[in-house]
Amino acid sequence: MKTPARTPTAPAVHVPEPLTYAPAVQPAPPAPVAQIVTPQGDVVTGYLMQPADHHNHAPAAPQPLPVWVRSVALLMPVTAGSATLAFWGLSLAVESLAALAAALWHLFLCLLALSAVAAVAATWRPRRGGATATATATATSRGLFGKATAKATATVKK
């Protein structure tokens, strides 16, 4: 016997059903069972019903939030905005701060050289009377605001 060839109208696709996991259910404790003997002598077995707790409690009035909670909640966006603005400003000023740090470093070196010259001039005593000693220190810095030059001269007469 010949069977006609079938042409499927839609491809046969097997779609697996999703697996569902049921949580483990703890069995309820068995209800108490009682056997009652009727006046006719029949024994009736039944479950004892526990009386339901029918408490008509009024819903608890909502407690107001403490003041510190409300204050923190109001100040959090302000603090976050201020920190964001400060970090954004610092990111714009990084180059200026670097130039300022370089200028302060060169000022420190100039003052260090000046103090070294003054210390040498104060301790150096010429052998001849009436002699003078002169020392000069120069420091130059290039920064954001241009070029800065500091020159210090110390003269000691004896």
N, C-alpha and C. Protein backbone atom coordinates (compact mmCIF):
# COMPACT_ATOMS: atom_id res chain seq x y z
N MET A 1 0.82 -1.15 0.00
CA MET A 1 0.00 0.00 0.00
C MET A 1 0.88 1.23 0.00
N LYS A 2 0.53 2.13 -0.82
CA LYS A 2 1.31 3.35 -0.96
C LYS A 2 0.64 4.46 -0.15
N THR A 3 1.50 5.16 0.62
CA THR A 3 0.98 6.32 1.37
C THR A 3 1.49 7.58 0.70
N PRO A 4 0.62 8.54 0.54
CA PRO A 4 1.08 9.77 -0.11
C PRO A 4 2.09 10.51 0.78
N ALA A 5 3.03 11.13 0.15
CA ALA A 5 4.04 11.91 0.89
C ALA A 5 3.40 13.17 1.44
N ARG A 6 3.67 13.42 2.68
CA ARG A 6 3.09 14.62 3.30
C ARG A 6 4.10 15.76 3.24
N THR A 7 3.60 16.91 2.97
CA THR A 7 4.45 18.10 3.04
C THR A 7 3.98 18.91 4.23
N PRO A 8 4.84 19.08 5.18
CA PRO A 8 4.39 19.81 6.39
C PRO A 8 4.12 21.27 6.06
N THR A 9 3.07 21.79 6.66
CA THR A 9 2.74 23.20 6.46
C THR A 9 3.64 24.08 7.33
N ALA A 10 4.01 23.60 8.46
CA ALA A 10 4.92 24.35 9.33
C ALA A 10 5.99 23.38 9.81
N PRO A 11 7.20 23.85 9.96
CA PRO A 11 8.24 22.93 10.42
C PRO A 11 7.95 22.45 11.83
N ALA A 12 8.26 21.20 12.05
CA ALA A 12 8.04 20.62 13.38
C ALA A 12 9.18 21.07 14.28
N VAL A 13 8.85 21.84 15.25
CA VAL A 13 9.84 22.34 16.19
C VAL A 13 9.44 21.89 17.58
N HIS A 14 10.39 21.30 18.23
CA HIS A 14 10.11 20.87 19.60
C HIS A 14 10.52 21.98 20.56
N VAL A 15 9.55 22.53 21.28
CA VAL A 15 9.83 23.57 22.27
C VAL A 15 9.68 22.94 23.64
N PRO A 16 10.77 22.85 24.38
CA PRO A 16 10.64 22.24 25.71
C PRO A 16 9.88 23.17 26.65
N GLU A 17 9.12 22.55 27.50
CA GLU A 17 8.39 23.35 28.48
C GLU A 17 9.35 23.77 29.58
N PRO A 18 9.16 24.98 30.09
CA PRO A 18 10.08 25.43 31.15
C PRO A 18 9.89 24.60 32.41
N LEU A 19 11.00 24.38 33.06
CA LEU A 19 10.96 23.64 34.31
C LEU A 19 10.58 24.58 35.43
N THR A 20 9.69 24.15 36.24
CA THR A 20 9.32 24.95 37.41
C THR A 20 9.65 24.12 38.64
N TYR A 21 10.21 24.78 39.57
CA TYR A 21 10.59 24.13 40.81
C TYR A 21 9.68 24.62 41.91
N ALA A 22 8.98 23.71 42.50
CA ALA A 22 8.09 24.07 43.59
C ALA A 22 8.90 24.06 44.88
N PRO A 23 8.70 25.05 45.72
CA PRO A 23 9.44 25.04 46.99
C PRO A 23 8.97 23.88 47.86
N ALA A 24 9.85 23.42 48.68
CA ALA A 24 9.50 22.32 49.57
C ALA A 24 8.47 22.83 50.57
N VAL A 25 7.35 22.16 50.65
CA VAL A 25 6.27 22.57 51.54
C VAL A 25 6.35 21.72 52.79
N GLN A 26 6.37 22.38 53.91
CA GLN A 26 6.37 21.67 55.17
C GLN A 26 4.94 21.18 55.45
N PRO A 27 4.79 19.92 55.76
CA PRO A 27 3.43 19.45 56.05
C PRO A 27 2.92 20.06 57.34
N ALA A 28 1.62 20.37 57.33
CA ALA A 28 1.01 20.94 58.52
C ALA A 28 0.92 19.85 59.59
N PRO A 29 1.00 20.24 60.84
CA PRO A 29 0.88 19.22 61.88
C PRO A 29 -0.52 18.59 61.81
N PRO A 30 -0.58 17.33 62.09
CA PRO A 30 -1.90 16.67 61.99
C PRO A 30 -2.89 17.29 62.97
N ALA A 31 -4.11 17.42 62.46
CA ALA A 31 -5.16 17.98 63.32
C ALA A 31 -5.54 16.93 64.37
N PRO A 32 -5.95 17.38 65.52
CA PRO A 32 -6.36 16.39 66.55
C PRO A 32 -7.64 15.65 66.11
N VAL A 33 -7.63 14.37 66.35
CA VAL A 33 -8.75 13.50 65.96
C VAL A 33 -9.46 13.02 67.23
N ALA A 34 -10.77 12.99 67.15
CA ALA A 34 -11.56 12.52 68.30
C ALA A 34 -12.52 11.43 67.84
N GLN A 35 -12.76 10.47 68.69
CA GLN A 35 -13.76 9.43 68.41
C GLN A 35 -14.92 9.63 69.38
N ILE A 36 -16.09 9.72 68.79
CA ILE A 36 -17.28 9.95 69.61
C ILE A 36 -18.22 8.74 69.45
N VAL A 37 -18.78 8.30 70.55
CA VAL A 37 -19.75 7.20 70.53
C VAL A 37 -21.14 7.81 70.65
N THR A 38 -21.97 7.54 69.65
CA THR A 38 -23.35 8.06 69.66
C THR A 38 -24.21 7.22 70.58
N PRO A 39 -25.40 7.73 70.97
CA PRO A 39 -26.28 6.93 71.84
C PRO A 39 -26.71 5.60 71.20
N GLN A 40 -26.68 5.50 69.89
CA GLN A 40 -27.04 4.24 69.24
C GLN A 40 -25.86 3.26 69.27
N GLY A 41 -24.69 3.70 69.67
CA GLY A 41 -23.55 2.81 69.75
C GLY A 41 -22.60 2.95 68.56
N ASP A 42 -22.88 3.86 67.68
CA ASP A 42 -21.99 4.07 66.53
C ASP A 42 -20.78 4.89 66.98
N VAL A 43 -19.63 4.55 66.41
CA VAL A 43 -18.39 5.29 66.70
C VAL A 43 -18.14 6.22 65.51
N VAL A 44 -18.06 7.51 65.81
CA VAL A 44 -17.81 8.52 64.77
C VAL A 44 -16.44 9.13 65.04
N THR A 45 -15.63 9.12 64.00
CA THR A 45 -14.30 9.71 64.08
C THR A 45 -14.33 11.04 63.34
N GLY A 46 -13.77 12.04 63.93
CA GLY A 46 -13.75 13.35 63.26
C GLY A 46 -12.61 14.21 63.76
N TYR A 47 -12.39 15.27 63.03
CA TYR A 47 -11.34 16.22 63.39
C TYR A 47 -11.90 17.27 64.32
N LEU A 48 -11.10 17.66 65.27
CA LEU A 48 -11.49 18.75 66.16
C LEU A 48 -11.11 20.07 65.51
N MET A 49 -12.04 20.96 65.49
CA MET A 49 -11.79 22.28 64.89
C MET A 49 -11.26 23.21 65.97
N GLN A 50 -10.21 23.91 65.64
CA GLN A 50 -9.66 24.89 66.56
C GLN A 50 -10.41 26.20 66.35
N PRO A 51 -10.78 26.86 67.38
CA PRO A 51 -11.48 28.14 67.19
C PRO A 51 -10.51 29.16 66.60
N ALA A 52 -10.99 29.86 65.59
CA ALA A 52 -10.16 30.88 64.95
C ALA A 52 -10.04 32.09 65.85
N ASP A 53 -8.88 32.69 65.83
CA ASP A 53 -8.69 33.91 66.62
C ASP A 53 -9.33 35.06 65.87
N HIS A 54 -10.38 35.57 66.42
CA HIS A 54 -11.07 36.71 65.80
C HIS A 54 -10.79 37.95 66.62
N HIS A 55 -9.62 38.52 66.34
CA HIS A 55 -9.26 39.75 67.03
C HIS A 55 -9.44 40.89 66.05
N ASN A 56 -10.22 41.82 66.41
CA ASN A 56 -10.42 43.00 65.56
C ASN A 56 -9.51 44.11 66.07
N HIS A 57 -8.26 43.95 65.72
CA HIS A 57 -7.31 44.97 66.12
C HIS A 57 -7.39 46.12 65.15
N ALA A 58 -7.35 47.32 65.67
CA ALA A 58 -7.29 48.49 64.80
C ALA A 58 -5.89 48.57 64.21
N PRO A 59 -5.79 48.95 62.94
CA PRO A 59 -4.44 49.05 62.37
C PRO A 59 -3.62 50.08 63.13
N ALA A 60 -2.35 49.75 63.31
CA ALA A 60 -1.47 50.64 64.06
C ALA A 60 -1.29 51.95 63.29
N ALA A 61 -1.31 53.03 64.02
CA ALA A 61 -1.12 54.34 63.39
C ALA A 61 0.32 54.43 62.91
N PRO A 62 0.53 54.94 61.71
CA PRO A 62 1.91 55.04 61.23
C PRO A 62 2.72 55.99 62.11
N GLN A 63 3.94 55.55 62.39
CA GLN A 63 4.82 56.36 63.23
C GLN A 63 5.52 57.40 62.37
N PRO A 64 5.64 58.62 62.85
CA PRO A 64 6.35 59.62 62.05
C PRO A 64 7.84 59.29 61.99
N LEU A 65 8.46 59.69 60.89
CA LEU A 65 9.90 59.46 60.74
C LEU A 65 10.67 60.37 61.69
N PRO A 66 11.78 59.86 62.22
CA PRO A 66 12.59 60.73 63.08
C PRO A 66 13.14 61.91 62.28
N VAL A 67 13.47 62.97 62.99
CA VAL A 67 13.95 64.19 62.34
C VAL A 67 15.25 63.93 61.59
N TRP A 68 16.13 63.12 62.16
CA TRP A 68 17.42 62.91 61.50
C TRP A 68 17.24 62.16 60.18
N VAL A 69 16.24 61.28 60.09
CA VAL A 69 16.00 60.56 58.83
C VAL A 69 15.54 61.54 57.75
N ARG A 70 14.63 62.43 58.13
CA ARG A 70 14.15 63.41 57.15
C ARG A 70 15.27 64.35 56.74
N SER A 71 16.10 64.75 57.70
CA SER A 71 17.21 65.66 57.37
C SER A 71 18.19 65.01 56.41
N VAL A 72 18.55 63.76 56.69
CA VAL A 72 19.49 63.05 55.82
C VAL A 72 18.89 62.88 54.43
N ALA A 73 17.61 62.55 54.37
CA ALA A 73 16.96 62.36 53.07
C ALA A 73 16.94 63.65 52.27
N LEU A 74 16.79 64.79 52.94
CA LEU A 74 16.79 66.06 52.22
C LEU A 74 18.20 66.50 51.83
N LEU A 75 19.19 66.16 52.65
CA LEU A 75 20.55 66.62 52.38
C LEU A 75 21.32 65.73 51.42
N MET A 76 20.88 64.50 51.19
CA MET A 76 21.62 63.59 50.31
C MET A 76 21.74 64.13 48.89
N PRO A 77 20.66 64.61 48.24
CA PRO A 77 20.86 65.13 46.88
C PRO A 77 21.72 66.38 46.84
N VAL A 78 21.61 67.21 47.87
CA VAL A 78 22.42 68.43 47.91
C VAL A 78 23.89 68.08 48.07
N THR A 79 24.19 67.14 48.93
CA THR A 79 25.58 66.73 49.14
C THR A 79 26.15 66.07 47.88
N ALA A 80 25.36 65.21 47.26
CA ALA A 80 25.83 64.56 46.03
C ALA A 80 26.06 65.58 44.93
N GLY A 81 25.17 66.55 44.80
CA GLY A 81 25.34 67.59 43.78
C GLY A 81 26.56 68.45 44.06
N SER A 82 26.79 68.80 45.32
CA SER A 82 27.95 69.62 45.66
C SER A 82 29.25 68.87 45.37
N ALA A 83 29.31 67.60 45.73
CA ALA A 83 30.52 66.82 45.46
C ALA A 83 30.75 66.68 43.97
N THR A 84 29.68 66.48 43.22
CA THR A 84 29.82 66.36 41.76
C THR A 84 30.34 67.65 41.17
N LEU A 85 29.78 68.77 41.60
CA LEU A 85 30.21 70.07 41.10
C LEU A 85 31.66 70.35 41.49
N ALA A 86 32.05 69.99 42.70
CA ALA A 86 33.43 70.21 43.14
C ALA A 86 34.41 69.38 42.31
N PHE A 87 34.10 68.12 42.08
CA PHE A 87 35.00 67.28 41.29
C PHE A 87 35.05 67.74 39.84
N TRP A 88 33.95 68.22 39.30
CA TRP A 88 33.95 68.74 37.94
C TRP A 88 34.83 69.99 37.86
N GLY A 89 34.72 70.88 38.85
CA GLY A 89 35.56 72.07 38.88
C GLY A 89 37.03 71.73 39.02
N LEU A 90 37.34 70.75 39.86
CA LEU A 90 38.74 70.33 40.00
C LEU A 90 39.28 69.72 38.71
N SER A 91 38.42 69.00 37.99
CA SER A 91 38.89 68.41 36.73
C SER A 91 39.21 69.50 35.72
N LEU A 92 38.49 70.63 35.77
CA LEU A 92 38.81 71.73 34.87
C LEU A 92 40.08 72.47 35.30
N ALA A 93 40.36 72.47 36.59
CA ALA A 93 41.47 73.26 37.12
C ALA A 93 42.75 72.46 37.30
N VAL A 94 42.81 71.24 36.79
CA VAL A 94 43.99 70.40 37.00
C VAL A 94 45.24 71.05 36.43
N GLU A 95 45.14 71.60 35.22
CA GLU A 95 46.32 72.21 34.62
C GLU A 95 46.74 73.45 35.39
N SER A 96 45.78 74.24 35.85
CA SER A 96 46.12 75.43 36.63
C SER A 96 46.77 75.05 37.94
N LEU A 97 46.24 74.00 38.59
CA LEU A 97 46.83 73.57 39.85
C LEU A 97 48.24 73.03 39.65
N ALA A 98 48.48 72.36 38.54
CA ALA A 98 49.83 71.86 38.26
C ALA A 98 50.79 73.02 38.04
N ALA A 99 50.35 74.06 37.32
CA ALA A 99 51.21 75.22 37.10
C ALA A 99 51.47 75.95 38.41
N LEU A 100 50.44 76.05 39.25
CA LEU A 100 50.60 76.71 40.55
C LEU A 100 51.57 75.92 41.42
N ALA A 101 51.48 74.61 41.40
CA ALA A 101 52.40 73.78 42.18
C ALA A 101 53.84 73.96 41.68
N ALA A 102 54.03 74.04 40.37
CA ALA A 102 55.38 74.25 39.83
C ALA A 102 55.92 75.61 40.24
N ALA A 103 55.08 76.64 40.20
CA ALA A 103 55.52 77.98 40.61
C ALA A 103 55.89 78.00 42.09
N LEU A 104 55.09 77.34 42.94
CA LEU A 104 55.42 77.29 44.37
C LEU A 104 56.71 76.50 44.61
N TRP A 105 56.93 75.46 43.82
CA TRP A 105 58.16 74.69 43.96
C TRP A 105 59.37 75.55 43.61
N HIS A 106 59.27 76.33 42.54
CA HIS A 106 60.39 77.20 42.17
C HIS A 106 60.58 78.32 43.19
N LEU A 107 59.51 78.82 43.77
CA LEU A 107 59.64 79.82 44.83
C LEU A 107 60.36 79.21 46.03
N PHE A 108 60.01 77.98 46.37
CA PHE A 108 60.69 77.30 47.47
C PHE A 108 62.18 77.14 47.19
N LEU A 109 62.51 76.74 45.96
CA LEU A 109 63.93 76.59 45.61
C LEU A 109 64.66 77.92 45.66
N CYS A 110 64.00 79.00 45.23
CA CYS A 110 64.62 80.33 45.28
C CYS A 110 64.88 80.75 46.72
N LEU A 111 63.90 80.53 47.60
CA LEU A 111 64.09 80.88 49.01
C LEU A 111 65.16 80.00 49.65
N LEU A 112 65.25 78.74 49.25
CA LEU A 112 66.28 77.87 49.76
C LEU A 112 67.66 78.35 49.32
N ALA A 113 67.78 78.77 48.06
CA ALA A 113 69.06 79.29 47.57
C ALA A 113 69.42 80.59 48.28
N LEU A 114 68.43 81.44 48.49
CA LEU A 114 68.67 82.71 49.18
C LEU A 114 69.12 82.47 50.62
N SER A 115 68.48 81.53 51.30
CA SER A 115 68.90 81.25 52.68
C SER A 115 70.29 80.61 52.71
N ALA A 116 70.62 79.79 51.71
CA ALA A 116 71.97 79.21 51.66
C ALA A 116 73.01 80.30 51.43
N VAL A 117 72.70 81.27 50.55
CA VAL A 117 73.63 82.37 50.29
C VAL A 117 73.80 83.22 51.55
N ALA A 118 72.69 83.48 52.24
CA ALA A 118 72.78 84.28 53.46
C ALA A 118 73.57 83.55 54.54
N ALA A 119 73.38 82.24 54.64
CA ALA A 119 74.13 81.47 55.65
C ALA A 119 75.61 81.46 55.33
N VAL A 120 75.96 81.30 54.07
CA VAL A 120 77.38 81.31 53.69
C VAL A 120 77.97 82.70 53.92
N ALA A 121 77.20 83.74 53.55
CA ALA A 121 77.71 85.09 53.71
C ALA A 121 77.87 85.45 55.18
N ALA A 122 76.99 84.95 56.04
CA ALA A 122 77.08 85.26 57.46
C ALA A 122 78.25 84.54 58.12
N THR A 123 78.58 83.37 57.65
CA THR A 123 79.66 82.61 58.29
C THR A 123 81.01 82.85 57.66
N TRP A 124 81.05 83.39 56.45
CA TRP A 124 82.32 83.59 55.78
C TRP A 124 82.93 84.91 56.24
N ARG A 125 84.15 84.85 56.70
CA ARG A 125 84.82 86.06 57.15
C ARG A 125 86.09 86.22 56.34
N PRO A 126 86.18 87.31 55.66
CA PRO A 126 87.42 87.51 54.89
C PRO A 126 88.60 87.78 55.82
N ARG A 127 89.79 87.52 55.34
CA ARG A 127 90.99 87.70 56.15
C ARG A 127 91.42 89.17 56.17
N ARG A 128 91.03 89.88 55.17
CA ARG A 128 91.40 91.29 55.15
C ARG A 128 90.27 92.10 55.75
N GLY A 129 90.60 93.12 56.42
CA GLY A 129 89.59 94.01 56.98
C GLY A 129 88.92 94.84 55.90
N GLY A 130 87.62 95.10 56.04
CA GLY A 130 86.91 95.95 55.10
C GLY A 130 86.52 95.26 53.82
N ALA A 131 86.67 93.99 53.75
CA ALA A 131 86.30 93.28 52.52
C ALA A 131 84.80 93.00 52.51
N THR A 132 84.24 92.85 51.34
CA THR A 132 82.82 92.54 51.21
C THR A 132 82.67 91.24 50.42
N ALA A 133 81.55 90.56 50.71
CA ALA A 133 81.22 89.34 49.97
C ALA A 133 79.83 89.51 49.37
N THR A 134 79.69 89.17 48.12
CA THR A 134 78.40 89.30 47.44
C THR A 134 78.05 87.95 46.80
N ALA A 135 76.80 87.54 46.99
CA ALA A 135 76.31 86.29 46.38
C ALA A 135 74.97 86.58 45.72
N THR A 136 74.76 85.98 44.57
CA THR A 136 73.52 86.20 43.82
C THR A 136 72.92 84.85 43.45
N ALA A 137 71.58 84.73 43.63
CA ALA A 137 70.87 83.51 43.24
C ALA A 137 69.71 83.90 42.34
N THR A 138 69.49 83.14 41.28
CA THR A 138 68.41 83.42 40.33
C THR A 138 67.60 82.15 40.11
N ALA A 139 66.25 82.27 40.14
CA ALA A 139 65.36 81.13 39.86
C ALA A 139 64.34 81.58 38.83
N THR A 140 64.08 80.73 37.84
CA THR A 140 63.14 81.05 36.77
C THR A 140 62.09 79.94 36.69
N SER A 141 60.82 80.34 36.50
CA SER A 141 59.74 79.37 36.39
C SER A 141 58.84 79.73 35.23
N ARG A 142 58.43 78.73 34.48
CA ARG A 142 57.45 78.94 33.42
C ARG A 142 56.17 78.22 33.86
N GLY A 143 55.06 78.93 33.80
CA GLY A 143 53.80 78.35 34.25
C GLY A 143 52.64 78.81 33.40
N LEU A 144 51.47 78.66 33.95
CA LEU A 144 50.24 79.01 33.24
C LEU A 144 50.18 80.49 32.95
N PHE A 145 50.71 81.31 33.81
CA PHE A 145 50.61 82.76 33.67
C PHE A 145 51.85 83.37 33.02
N GLY A 146 52.72 82.58 32.51
CA GLY A 146 53.90 83.10 31.83
C GLY A 146 55.17 82.71 32.54
N LYS A 147 56.18 83.55 32.39
CA LYS A 147 57.49 83.26 32.95
C LYS A 147 57.70 84.14 34.17
N ALA A 148 58.24 83.57 35.24
CA ALA A 148 58.54 84.31 36.46
C ALA A 148 60.00 84.09 36.80
N THR A 149 60.68 85.19 37.13
CA THR A 149 62.09 85.13 37.48
C THR A 149 62.27 85.82 38.82
N ALA A 150 63.00 85.18 39.72
CA ALA A 150 63.30 85.77 41.02
C ALA A 150 64.82 85.83 41.15
N LYS A 151 65.32 86.98 41.58
CA LYS A 151 66.77 87.17 41.72
C LYS A 151 67.02 87.69 43.13
N ALA A 152 67.96 87.09 43.81
CA ALA A 152 68.31 87.51 45.17
C ALA A 152 69.81 87.76 45.27
N THR A 153 70.18 88.87 45.89
CA THR A 153 71.58 89.22 46.05
C THR A 153 71.81 89.53 47.52
N ALA A 154 72.87 88.98 48.07
CA ALA A 154 73.22 89.25 49.46
C ALA A 154 74.67 89.77 49.49
N THR A 155 74.86 90.87 50.20
CA THR A 155 76.18 91.46 50.36
C THR A 155 76.49 91.60 51.83
N VAL A 156 77.68 91.16 52.22
CA VAL A 156 78.10 91.26 53.61
C VAL A 156 79.38 92.07 53.66
N LYS A 157 79.37 93.11 54.51
CA LYS A 157 80.58 93.91 54.71
C LYS A 157 81.12 93.61 56.08
N LYS A 158 82.43 93.55 56.13
CA LYS A 158 83.04 93.29 57.42
C LYS A 158 83.83 94.46 57.89
